Amino acid sequence: MIQSMTGFGKGEATVGDCVAGVEIRSVNSRYLEMNVKLPQTLSTREMEIREMVRQNVGRGKLTVMVSTSTGSKEGEISVDAESVKQVLNLLKSLKKTAKLTSPVKLEHLLQFRDLFKGSSVDVSDGEEWEAVKAATEAALTQLREARTTEGNSLKADLGTRIDKLNSSLKEIETLAKQRAEDEKSKLRQKVSDVLNGKDADPSRLELEIVLLADKLDITEEIVRFRTHNTFFMQLLNGEDSNGRRLNFLLQEMNREANTMGSKAFDAELSHLVVEIKEELEKMREQVQNLE
């Protein structure tokens, strides 16, 4: 299934008293790149999270942000009265020793963080990791859905452009056959004018005309181009996301267009080839977004 490399996924999960949140953002990249941001308590789990992402994403530049908290009790703070008394006595003693006259103020006490106690419950490593795993899986599911939706949109656009290319090729083929006969007639007339009534070997003359006309023939290029178009649609409709292969195939299609352009002996043909190359460039930009 075709997928875009652009997407966003968010997941949350609760296990015991631990609440975990994971956000994953994905943009274009030639390879799979990951920037994982974890709480300090989960630093040893980075490789496991990377592997979870790698199992779901083939290509793209991803930012994975993980956060954890301890449920509704988190944020309740109380004052350790006994510690306040001890610190206050210590400061008064220090003031006396240093022979200071300024009074001890509240801001002096606030410098001691140990005077405050958090009422949040302790969370085991197992609970935290299980919550993060579940949140990561939920974020990856949402990311895949977003990338698939964008991929389907790109697939529809590319399919429409393939139809345009096939239509242009048909027009070029019809025009080229007509122009080929006209060109042969022109060549015969030019040769006749050069000979000016002199005898010439008819078979040899016809052979030279055929060889010259063959250099202008673009039948092979059109056939190969159509084959590439067919294969392109097969890849688009395949089970896998084939962004790289589609990109390589567009390069081959562009080569065929360049060859047709070099053989074009008519302004109208040249214009049609230019339109094909413009369409291929638009398709290349779209394919850059595919995984």
C-alpha atoms as a PDB file:
ATOM      1  CA  MET A   1       0.000   0.000   0.000  1.00  0.00           C
ATOM      2  CA  ILE A   2       1.409   3.339  -1.069  1.00  0.00           C
ATOM      3  CA  GLN A   3       2.271   5.673   1.817  1.00  0.00           C
ATOM      4  CA  SER A   4       3.412   9.257   2.148  1.00  0.00           C
ATOM      5  CA  MET A   5       6.418  10.064   4.323  1.00  0.00           C
ATOM      6  CA  THR A   6       4.576  13.021   5.854  1.00  0.00           C
ATOM      7  CA  GLY A   7       2.360  12.453   8.878  1.00  0.00           C
ATOM      8  CA  PHE A   8       1.680  12.881  12.574  1.00  0.00           C
ATOM      9  CA  GLY A   9       0.620  10.434  15.249  1.00  0.00           C
ATOM     10  CA  LYS A  10      -0.254  10.870  18.911  1.00  0.00           C
ATOM     11  CA  GLY A  11      -0.946   8.241  21.547  1.00  0.00           C
ATOM     12  CA  GLU A  12      -1.690   8.107  25.262  1.00  0.00           C
ATOM     13  CA  ALA A  13      -1.867   5.183  27.675  1.00  0.00           C
ATOM     14  CA  THR A  14      -2.261   4.605  31.402  1.00  0.00           C
ATOM     15  CA  VAL A  15      -0.817   1.651  33.290  1.00  0.00           C
ATOM     16  CA  GLY A  16      -1.270   1.653  37.039  1.00  0.00           C
ATOM     17  CA  ASP A  17      -0.468   5.171  38.250  1.00  0.00           C
ATOM     18  CA  CYS A  18       1.636   6.073  35.182  1.00  0.00           C
ATOM     19  CA  VAL A  19       0.297   8.122  32.287  1.00  0.00           C
ATOM     20  CA  ALA A  20       2.410   8.153  29.096  1.00  0.00           C
ATOM     21  CA  GLY A  21       2.104  10.364  26.024  1.00  0.00           C
ATOM     22  CA  VAL A  22       3.912   9.887  22.700  1.00  0.00           C
ATOM     23  CA  GLU A  23       3.978  12.168  19.657  1.00  0.00           C
ATOM     24  CA  ILE A  24       5.584  11.175  16.342  1.00  0.00           C
ATOM     25  CA  ARG A  25       6.147  13.587  13.466  1.00  0.00           C
ATOM     26  CA  SER A  26       7.375  12.425  10.068  1.00  0.00           C
ATOM     27  CA  VAL A  27       8.727  14.333   7.060  1.00  0.00           C
ATOM     28  CA  ASN A  28      10.549  13.419   3.850  1.00  0.00           C
ATOM     29  CA  SER A  29      13.987  11.822   3.835  1.00  0.00           C
ATOM     30  CA  ARG A  30      15.965   9.533   1.558  1.00  0.00           C
ATOM     31  CA  TYR A  31      16.472   7.114   4.457  1.00  0.00           C
ATOM     32  CA  LEU A  32      14.964   6.304   7.855  1.00  0.00           C
ATOM     33  CA  GLU A  33      16.146   8.840  10.423  1.00  0.00           C
ATOM     34  CA  MET A  34      14.952   9.111  14.016  1.00  0.00           C
ATOM     35  CA  ASN A  35      15.333  11.672  16.775  1.00  0.00           C
ATOM     36  CA  VAL A  36      14.000  10.142  20.005  1.00  0.00           C
ATOM     37  CA  LYS A  37      13.415  12.349  23.053  1.00  0.00           C
ATOM     38  CA  LEU A  38      12.832  10.422  26.294  1.00  0.00           C
ATOM     39  CA  PRO A  39      12.503  11.161  30.022  1.00  0.00           C
ATOM     40  CA  GLN A  40      15.721  10.439  31.906  1.00  0.00           C
ATOM     41  CA  THR A  41      14.111   7.417  33.564  1.00  0.00           C
ATOM     42  CA  LEU A  42      13.631   5.762  30.150  1.00  0.00           C
ATOM     43  CA  SER A  43      17.031   6.508  28.595  1.00  0.00           C
ATOM     44  CA  THR A  44      17.910   2.808  28.510  1.00  0.00           C
ATOM     45  CA  ARG A  45      14.774   2.046  26.453  1.00  0.00           C
ATOM     46  CA  GLU A  46      15.692   4.154  23.429  1.00  0.00           C
ATOM     47  CA  MET A  47      16.788   1.239  21.234  1.00  0.00           C
ATOM     48  CA  GLU A  48      13.556  -0.618  21.961  1.00  0.00           C
ATOM     49  CA  ILE A  49      11.466   2.385  20.905  1.00  0.00           C
ATOM     50  CA  ARG A  50      13.575   2.791  17.764  1.00  0.00           C
ATOM     51  CA  GLU A  51      12.925  -0.842  16.882  1.00  0.00           C
ATOM     52  CA  MET A  52       9.162  -0.391  17.391  1.00  0.00           C
ATOM     53  CA  VAL A  53       9.219   2.531  14.959  1.00  0.00           C
ATOM     54  CA  ARG A  54      11.424   0.670  12.477  1.00  0.00           C
ATOM     55  CA  GLN A  55       8.906  -2.184  12.346  1.00  0.00           C
ATOM     56  CA  ASN A  56       6.226   0.268  11.183  1.00  0.00           C
ATOM     57  CA  VAL A  57       8.061   2.871   9.093  1.00  0.00           C
ATOM     58  CA  GLY A  58      10.372   2.206   6.161  1.00  0.00           C
ATOM     59  CA  ARG A  59      11.576   5.684   5.277  1.00  0.00           C
ATOM     60  CA  GLY A  60      11.316   9.267   6.534  1.00  0.00           C
ATOM     61  CA  LYS A  61      12.749  11.663   9.094  1.00  0.00           C
ATOM     62  CA  LEU A  62      10.930  11.122  12.385  1.00  0.00           C
ATOM     63  CA  THR A  63      10.836  12.958  15.696  1.00  0.00           C
ATOM     64  CA  VAL A  64       9.574  10.826  18.595  1.00  0.00           C
ATOM     65  CA  MET A  65       8.700  12.667  21.814  1.00  0.00           C
ATOM     66  CA  VAL A  66       7.856  10.666  24.954  1.00  0.00           C
ATOM     67  CA  SER A  67       6.542  12.049  28.246  1.00  0.00           C
ATOM     68  CA  THR A  68       5.317  10.387  31.434  1.00  0.00           C
ATOM     69  CA  SER A  69       3.489  11.517  34.581  1.00  0.00           C
ATOM     70  CA  THR A  70       1.985   9.914  37.675  1.00  0.00           C
ATOM     71  CA  GLY A  71      -1.707  10.502  37.233  1.00  0.00           C
ATOM     72  CA  SER A  72      -4.041  12.871  39.053  1.00  0.00           C
ATOM     73  CA  LYS A  73      -2.010  13.041  42.294  1.00  0.00           C
ATOM     74  CA  GLU A  74       0.940  14.631  40.535  1.00  0.00           C
ATOM     75  CA  GLY A  75       1.397  18.303  41.302  1.00  0.00           C
ATOM     76  CA  GLU A  76       0.171  18.246  44.959  1.00  0.00           C
ATOM     77  CA  ILE A  77       2.902  19.821  47.086  1.00  0.00           C
ATOM     78  CA  SER A  78       3.187  20.172  50.881  1.00  0.00           C
ATOM     79  CA  VAL A  79       5.691  21.800  53.235  1.00  0.00           C
ATOM     80  CA  ASP A  80       7.929  19.749  55.505  1.00  0.00           C
ATOM     81  CA  ALA A  81       7.461  21.786  58.710  1.00  0.00           C
ATOM     82  CA  GLU A  82      10.199  20.014  60.618  1.00  0.00           C
ATOM     83  CA  SER A  83      12.724  20.692  57.872  1.00  0.00           C
ATOM     84  CA  VAL A  84      11.684  24.360  57.786  1.00  0.00           C
ATOM     85  CA  LYS A  85      12.457  24.691  61.500  1.00  0.00           C
ATOM     86  CA  GLN A  86      15.855  23.073  61.074  1.00  0.00           C
ATOM     87  CA  VAL A  87      16.813  25.283  58.134  1.00  0.00           C
ATOM     88  CA  LEU A  88      15.578  28.420  59.920  1.00  0.00           C
ATOM     89  CA  ASN A  89      17.655  27.617  63.001  1.00  0.00           C
ATOM     90  CA  LEU A  90      20.636  26.928  60.766  1.00  0.00           C
ATOM     91  CA  LEU A  91      20.281  30.277  59.014  1.00  0.00           C
ATOM     92  CA  LYS A  92      19.935  32.135  62.318  1.00  0.00           C
ATOM     93  CA  SER A  93      23.087  30.427  63.591  1.00  0.00           C
ATOM     94  CA  LEU A  94      24.902  31.324  60.402  1.00  0.00           C
ATOM     95  CA  LYS A  95      23.715  34.932  60.700  1.00  0.00           C
ATOM     96  CA  LYS A  96      25.035  35.117  64.273  1.00  0.00           C
ATOM     97  CA  THR A  97      28.378  33.588  63.317  1.00  0.00           C
ATOM     98  CA  ALA A  98      28.807  35.994  60.395  1.00  0.00           C
ATOM     99  CA  LYS A  99      27.639  38.906  62.582  1.00  0.00           C
ATOM    100  CA  LEU A 100      24.917  39.889  60.102  1.00  0.00           C
ATOM    101  CA  THR A 101      22.118  42.239  61.055  1.00  0.00           C
ATOM    102  CA  SER A 102      19.699  41.621  58.189  1.00  0.00           C
ATOM    103  CA  PRO A 103      16.733  39.375  59.040  1.00  0.00           C
ATOM    104  CA  VAL A 104      16.132  35.921  57.607  1.00  0.00           C
ATOM    105  CA  LYS A 105      13.465  36.246  54.889  1.00  0.00           C
ATOM    106  CA  LEU A 106      11.154  33.891  53.038  1.00  0.00           C
ATOM    107  CA  GLU A 107      13.221  34.031  49.853  1.00  0.00           C
ATOM    108  CA  HIS A 108      16.163  32.614  51.797  1.00  0.00           C
ATOM    109  CA  LEU A 109      14.103  29.591  52.802  1.00  0.00           C
ATOM    110  CA  LEU A 110      12.838  29.094  49.247  1.00  0.00           C
ATOM    111  CA  GLN A 111      16.372  28.292  48.137  1.00  0.00           C
ATOM    112  CA  PHE A 112      16.059  24.940  49.923  1.00  0.00           C
ATOM    113  CA  ARG A 113      14.005  22.629  47.735  1.00  0.00           C
ATOM    114  CA  ASP A 114      14.014  19.840  50.297  1.00  0.00           C
ATOM    115  CA  LEU A 115      11.496  21.838  52.349  1.00  0.00           C
ATOM    116  CA  PHE A 116       8.753  20.818  49.899  1.00  0.00           C
ATOM    117  CA  LYS A 117       7.329  17.357  49.472  1.00  0.00           C
ATOM    118  CA  GLY A 118       5.441  16.015  46.453  1.00  0.00           C
ATOM    119  CA  SER A 119       2.512  13.720  47.188  1.00  0.00           C
ATOM    120  CA  SER A 120       2.684  11.824  43.866  1.00  0.00           C
ATOM    121  CA  VAL A 121       2.931   8.101  44.178  1.00  0.00           C
ATOM    122  CA  ASP A 122       5.986   6.165  43.124  1.00  0.00           C
ATOM    123  CA  VAL A 123       5.740   4.466  39.745  1.00  0.00           C
ATOM    124  CA  SER A 124       7.600   1.266  39.022  1.00  0.00           C
ATOM    125  CA  ASP A 125       9.877   0.991  35.989  1.00  0.00           C
ATOM    126  CA  GLY A 126       7.633  -1.761  34.648  1.00  0.00           C
ATOM    127  CA  GLU A 127       4.498   0.354  34.786  1.00  0.00           C
ATOM    128  CA  GLU A 128       6.210   3.313  33.117  1.00  0.00           C
ATOM    129  CA  TRP A 129       7.619   1.217  30.282  1.00  0.00           C
ATOM    130  CA  GLU A 130       4.342  -0.632  29.656  1.00  0.00           C
ATOM    131  CA  ALA A 131       2.511   2.699  29.459  1.00  0.00           C
ATOM    132  CA  VAL A 132       5.088   4.096  27.027  1.00  0.00           C
ATOM    133  CA  LYS A 133       4.913   0.988  24.824  1.00  0.00           C
ATOM    134  CA  ALA A 134       1.131   1.204  24.610  1.00  0.00           C
ATOM    135  CA  ALA A 135       1.250   4.950  23.863  1.00  0.00           C
ATOM    136  CA  THR A 136       3.927   4.403  21.196  1.00  0.00           C
ATOM    137  CA  GLU A 137       1.820   1.730  19.487  1.00  0.00           C
ATOM    138  CA  ALA A 138      -1.185   4.061  19.483  1.00  0.00           C
ATOM    139  CA  ALA A 139       0.911   6.903  18.027  1.00  0.00           C
ATOM    140  CA  LEU A 140       2.316   4.607  15.329  1.00  0.00           C
ATOM    141  CA  THR A 141      -1.191   3.457  14.381  1.00  0.00           C
ATOM    142  CA  GLN A 142      -2.318   7.062  13.967  1.00  0.00           C
ATOM    143  CA  LEU A 143       0.856   7.889  12.039  1.00  0.00           C
ATOM    144  CA  ARG A 144       0.304   4.991   9.617  1.00  0.00           C
ATOM    145  CA  GLU A 145      -3.276   6.099   9.038  1.00  0.00           C
ATOM    146  CA  ALA A 146      -2.165   9.669   8.306  1.00  0.00           C
ATOM    147  CA  ARG A 147       0.590   8.515   5.961  1.00  0.00           C
ATOM    148  CA  THR A 148      -1.807   6.142   4.182  1.00  0.00           C
ATOM    149  CA  THR A 149      -4.425   8.866   3.695  1.00  0.00           C
ATOM    150  CA  GLU A 150      -1.829  11.214   2.218  1.00  0.00           C
ATOM    151  CA  GLY A 151      -0.420   8.352   0.147  1.00  0.00           C
ATOM    152  CA  ASN A 152      -3.843   7.602  -1.376  1.00  0.00           C
ATOM    153  CA  SER A 153      -4.185  11.248  -2.341  1.00  0.00           C
ATOM    154  CA  LEU A 154      -0.786  11.193  -4.057  1.00  0.00           C
ATOM    155  CA  LYS A 155      -1.653   7.879  -5.719  1.00  0.00           C
ATOM    156  CA  ALA A 156      -4.815   9.345  -7.260  1.00  0.00           C
ATOM    157  CA  ASP A 157      -2.888  12.377  -8.527  1.00  0.00           C
ATOM    158  CA  LEU A 158      -0.108  10.246 -10.042  1.00  0.00           C
ATOM    159  CA  GLY A 159      -2.648   7.956 -11.716  1.00  0.00           C
ATOM    160  CA  THR A 160      -4.277  10.964 -13.368  1.00  0.00           C
ATOM    161  CA  ARG A 161      -0.894  12.151 -14.624  1.00  0.00           C
ATOM    162  CA  ILE A 162      -0.110   8.705 -16.085  1.00  0.00           C
ATOM    163  CA  ASP A 163      -3.372   8.952 -18.035  1.00  0.00           C
ATOM    164  CA  LYS A 164      -2.234  12.335 -19.372  1.00  0.00           C
ATOM    165  CA  LEU A 165       1.111  10.858 -20.421  1.00  0.00           C
ATOM    166  CA  ASN A 166      -0.583   7.992 -22.277  1.00  0.00           C
ATOM    167  CA  SER A 167      -2.851  10.476 -24.034  1.00  0.00           C
ATOM    168  CA  SER A 168       0.153  12.588 -25.075  1.00  0.00           C
ATOM    169  CA  LEU A 169       2.003   9.491 -26.306  1.00  0.00           C
ATOM    170  CA  LYS A 170      -0.961   8.509 -28.475  1.00  0.00           C
ATOM    171  CA  GLU A 171      -1.042  11.993 -29.959  1.00  0.00           C
ATOM    172  CA  ILE A 172       2.709  11.906 -30.586  1.00  0.00           C
ATOM    173  CA  GLU A 173       2.487   8.465 -32.204  1.00  0.00           C
ATOM    174  CA  THR A 174      -0.248   9.571 -34.621  1.00  0.00           C
ATOM    175  CA  LEU A 175       1.575  12.777 -35.487  1.00  0.00           C
ATOM    176  CA  ALA A 176       4.939  11.045 -35.875  1.00  0.00           C
ATOM    177  CA  LYS A 177       3.602   8.489 -38.394  1.00  0.00           C
ATOM    178  CA  GLN A 178       2.070  11.223 -40.492  1.00  0.00           C
ATOM    179  CA  ARG A 179       5.201  13.364 -40.335  1.00  0.00           C
ATOM    180  CA  ALA A 180       7.431  10.375 -41.199  1.00  0.00           C
ATOM    181  CA  GLU A 181       5.717   9.882 -44.561  1.00  0.00           C
ATOM    182  CA  ASP A 182       5.909  13.610 -45.249  1.00  0.00           C
ATOM    183  CA  GLU A 183       9.597  13.589 -44.403  1.00  0.00           C
ATOM    184  CA  LYS A 184      10.279  10.710 -46.777  1.00  0.00           C
ATOM    185  CA  SER A 185       8.592  12.614 -49.575  1.00  0.00           C
ATOM    186  CA  LYS A 186      10.680  15.694 -48.794  1.00  0.00           C
ATOM    187  CA  LEU A 187      13.855  13.621 -48.824  1.00  0.00           C
ATOM    188  CA  ARG A 188      12.987  12.101 -52.199  1.00  0.00           C
ATOM    189  CA  GLN A 189      12.323  15.567 -53.621  1.00  0.00           C
ATOM    190  CA  LYS A 190      15.595  16.954 -52.260  1.00  0.00           C
ATOM    191  CA  VAL A 191      17.586  14.060 -53.691  1.00  0.00           C
ATOM    192  CA  SER A 192      15.836  14.515 -57.028  1.00  0.00           C
ATOM    193  CA  ASP A 193      16.679  18.213 -57.042  1.00  0.00           C
ATOM    194  CA  VAL A 194      20.325  17.475 -56.256  1.00  0.00           C
ATOM    195  CA  LEU A 195      20.615  14.878 -59.019  1.00  0.00           C
ATOM    196  CA  ASN A 196      18.878  17.253 -61.456  1.00  0.00           C
ATOM    197  CA  GLY A 197      17.868  14.522 -63.887  1.00  0.00           C
ATOM    198  CA  LYS A 198      20.999  12.417 -63.462  1.00  0.00           C
ATOM    199  CA  ASP A 199      20.672   8.670 -63.229  1.00  0.00           C
ATOM    200  CA  ALA A 200      20.715   7.102 -59.773  1.00  0.00           C
ATOM    201  CA  ASP A 201      20.286   3.554 -58.478  1.00  0.00           C
ATOM    202  CA  PRO A 202      16.593   3.469 -57.346  1.00  0.00           C
ATOM    203  CA  SER A 203      17.177   0.726 -54.764  1.00  0.00           C
ATOM    204  CA  ARG A 204      20.191   2.507 -53.322  1.00  0.00           C
ATOM    205  CA  LEU A 205      18.303   5.772 -53.253  1.00  0.00           C
ATOM    206  CA  GLU A 206      15.340   4.217 -51.440  1.00  0.00           C
ATOM    207  CA  LEU A 207      17.675   2.581 -48.915  1.00  0.00           C
ATOM    208  CA  GLU A 208      19.296   5.899 -48.054  1.00  0.00           C
ATOM    209  CA  ILE A 209      15.890   7.513 -47.641  1.00  0.00           C
ATOM    210  CA  VAL A 210      14.744   4.708 -45.345  1.00  0.00           C
ATOM    211  CA  LEU A 211      17.936   4.983 -43.258  1.00  0.00           C
ATOM    212  CA  LEU A 212      17.499   8.729 -42.872  1.00  0.00           C
ATOM    213  CA  ALA A 213      13.846   8.342 -41.958  1.00  0.00           C
ATOM    214  CA  ASP A 214      14.705   5.598 -39.447  1.00  0.00           C
ATOM    215  CA  LYS A 215      16.893   8.024 -37.528  1.00  0.00           C
ATOM    216  CA  LEU A 216      13.788  10.119 -36.950  1.00  0.00           C
ATOM    217  CA  ASP A 217      11.572   7.181 -35.951  1.00  0.00           C
ATOM    218  CA  ILE A 218      10.452   7.294 -32.282  1.00  0.00           C
ATOM    219  CA  THR A 219       8.334   4.119 -32.270  1.00  0.00           C
ATOM    220  CA  GLU A 220      10.699   2.249 -29.933  1.00  0.00           C
ATOM    221  CA  GLU A 221      10.773   5.130 -27.469  1.00  0.00           C
ATOM    222  CA  ILE A 222       6.980   5.306 -27.413  1.00  0.00           C
ATOM    223  CA  VAL A 223       6.697   1.545 -26.827  1.00  0.00           C
ATOM    224  CA  ARG A 224       9.208   1.642 -23.965  1.00  0.00           C
ATOM    225  CA  PHE A 225       7.520   4.699 -22.467  1.00  0.00           C
ATOM    226  CA  ARG A 226       4.147   2.924 -22.471  1.00  0.00           C
ATOM    227  CA  THR A 227       5.753  -0.101 -20.806  1.00  0.00           C
ATOM    228  CA  HIS A 228       7.160   2.161 -18.089  1.00  0.00           C
ATOM    229  CA  ASN A 229       3.713   3.708 -17.583  1.00  0.00           C
ATOM    230  CA  THR A 230       2.152   0.272 -17.138  1.00  0.00           C
ATOM    231  CA  PHE A 231       4.803  -0.785 -14.630  1.00  0.00           C
ATOM    232  CA  PHE A 232       4.419   2.538 -12.801  1.00  0.00           C
ATOM    233  CA  MET A 233       0.717   1.830 -12.220  1.00  0.00           C
ATOM    234  CA  GLN A 234       1.512  -1.719 -11.083  1.00  0.00           C
ATOM    235  CA  LEU A 235       3.868  -0.332  -8.438  1.00  0.00           C
ATOM    236  CA  LEU A 236       1.298   2.273  -7.370  1.00  0.00           C
ATOM    237  CA  ASN A 237      -1.310  -0.455  -6.871  1.00  0.00           C
ATOM    238  CA  GLY A 238       1.088  -2.917  -5.236  1.00  0.00           C
ATOM    239  CA  GLU A 239       1.007  -4.070  -1.613  1.00  0.00           C
ATOM    240  CA  ASP A 240       4.239  -2.270  -0.738  1.00  0.00           C
ATOM    241  CA  SER A 241       5.103   1.415  -0.796  1.00  0.00           C
ATOM    242  CA  ASN A 242       7.617   1.736  -3.647  1.00  0.00           C
ATOM    243  CA  GLY A 243       8.706   5.367  -3.569  1.00  0.00           C
ATOM    244  CA  ARG A 244      12.328   4.605  -4.492  1.00  0.00           C
ATOM    245  CA  ARG A 245      11.403   2.316  -7.421  1.00  0.00           C
ATOM    246  CA  LEU A 246       8.892   4.835  -8.719  1.00  0.00           C
ATOM    247  CA  ASN A 247      11.581   7.503  -8.624  1.00  0.00           C
ATOM    248  CA  PHE A 248      14.015   5.329 -10.595  1.00  0.00           C
ATOM    249  CA  LEU A 249      11.275   4.523 -13.105  1.00  0.00           C
ATOM    250  CA  LEU A 250      10.582   8.233 -13.635  1.00  0.00           C
ATOM    251  CA  GLN A 251      14.257   8.676 -14.490  1.00  0.00           C
ATOM    252  CA  GLU A 252      13.915   6.041 -17.231  1.00  0.00           C
ATOM    253  CA  MET A 253      10.776   7.716 -18.536  1.00  0.00           C
ATOM    254  CA  ASN A 254      12.601  11.028 -18.663  1.00  0.00           C
ATOM    255  CA  ARG A 255      15.392   9.433 -20.722  1.00  0.00           C
ATOM    256  CA  GLU A 256      12.851   8.207 -23.268  1.00  0.00           C
ATOM    257  CA  ALA A 257      11.328  11.696 -23.423  1.00  0.00           C
ATOM    258  CA  ASN A 258      14.771  13.224 -24.015  1.00  0.00           C
ATOM    259  CA  THR A 259      15.442  10.779 -26.860  1.00  0.00           C
ATOM    260  CA  MET A 260      12.092  11.597 -28.455  1.00  0.00           C
ATOM    261  CA  GLY A 261      12.896  15.273 -28.132  1.00  0.00           C
ATOM    262  CA  SER A 262      16.251  14.840 -29.863  1.00  0.00           C
ATOM    263  CA  LYS A 263      14.577  12.977 -32.754  1.00  0.00           C
ATOM    264  CA  ALA A 264      11.634  15.359 -33.094  1.00  0.00           C
ATOM    265  CA  PHE A 265      11.676  16.930 -36.561  1.00  0.00           C
ATOM    266  CA  ASP A 266       8.547  18.945 -36.105  1.00  0.00           C
ATOM    267  CA  ALA A 267       7.675  21.899 -33.851  1.00  0.00           C
ATOM    268  CA  GLU A 268       4.366  20.367 -32.806  1.00  0.00           C
ATOM    269  CA  LEU A 269       6.090  17.127 -31.799  1.00  0.00           C
ATOM    270  CA  SER A 270       8.673  19.089 -29.834  1.00  0.00           C
ATOM    271  CA  HIS A 271       5.937  20.932 -27.930  1.00  0.00           C
ATOM    272  CA  LEU A 272       4.256  17.659 -26.989  1.00  0.00           C
ATOM    273  CA  VAL A 273       7.557  16.245 -25.720  1.00  0.00           C
ATOM    274  CA  VAL A 274       8.088  19.387 -23.620  1.00  0.00           C
ATOM    275  CA  GLU A 275       4.635  18.916 -22.082  1.00  0.00           C
ATOM    276  CA  ILE A 276       5.529  15.313 -21.214  1.00  0.00           C
ATOM    277  CA  LYS A 277       8.754  16.403 -19.530  1.00  0.00           C
ATOM    278  CA  GLU A 278       6.881  19.028 -17.528  1.00  0.00           C
ATOM    279  CA  GLU A 279       4.410  16.368 -16.371  1.00  0.00           C
ATOM    280  CA  LEU A 280       7.274  14.050 -15.415  1.00  0.00           C
ATOM    281  CA  GLU A 281       8.840  16.799 -13.307  1.00  0.00           C
ATOM    282  CA  LYS A 282       5.564  17.305 -11.420  1.00  0.00           C
ATOM    283  CA  MET A 283       5.360  13.554 -10.858  1.00  0.00           C
ATOM    284  CA  ARG A 284       8.942  13.474  -9.587  1.00  0.00           C
ATOM    285  CA  GLU A 285       8.090  16.112  -6.985  1.00  0.00           C
ATOM    286  CA  GLN A 286       5.123  14.031  -5.837  1.00  0.00           C
ATOM    287  CA  VAL A 287       7.072  10.774  -5.707  1.00  0.00           C
ATOM    288  CA  GLN A 288       9.662  12.416  -3.434  1.00  0.00           C
ATOM    289  CA  ASN A 289       6.918  12.361  -0.766  1.00  0.00           C
ATOM    290  CA  LEU A 290       6.336   8.614  -0.995  1.00  0.00           C
ATOM    291  CA  GLU A 291       7.884   6.057   1.334  1.00  0.00           C
END
